[in-house]
Amino acid sequence: MIRVVLVDDQALVREGLRALLERTDDIVVVGEADDGDDGVLMVAATAPDVVLMDIRMPGTDGIAATRRIIDDPALSQVHVVVLTTFDTDDNVLDTIRAGASASS
């Protein structure tokens, strides 16, 4: 079973991702958060396999939250996939530098 946390400030996006992911029997969404700070807390509380992280959110953005997750030794096996509609090279480089496993 692949355990996933969704972090996005748009509830509709989280709902859509959850519906899509949960169509697959071996994926379960174990938590959701609407900003980077709550996302880091949710990841620490649930220890998912994968985090789907938005970049642009109020408060702590997805890049800073990704960095905090990756820098935490207790979360070393968590993979962060950053999702964004922004396709600039700077955003992609920032996500890689923060330690994301992938950017889409």
Foldseek 3Di string as FASTA:
>chain_A
DFEEEEEALDPVVVVVVQVVQVVDPVYHYPYYYNALVVSLVSCVVPLGQEYEAEADGPDHGRLNSLLVQCPDPVNVNHAYEYEYPDDDPVVQVSNVVSPHPYYD
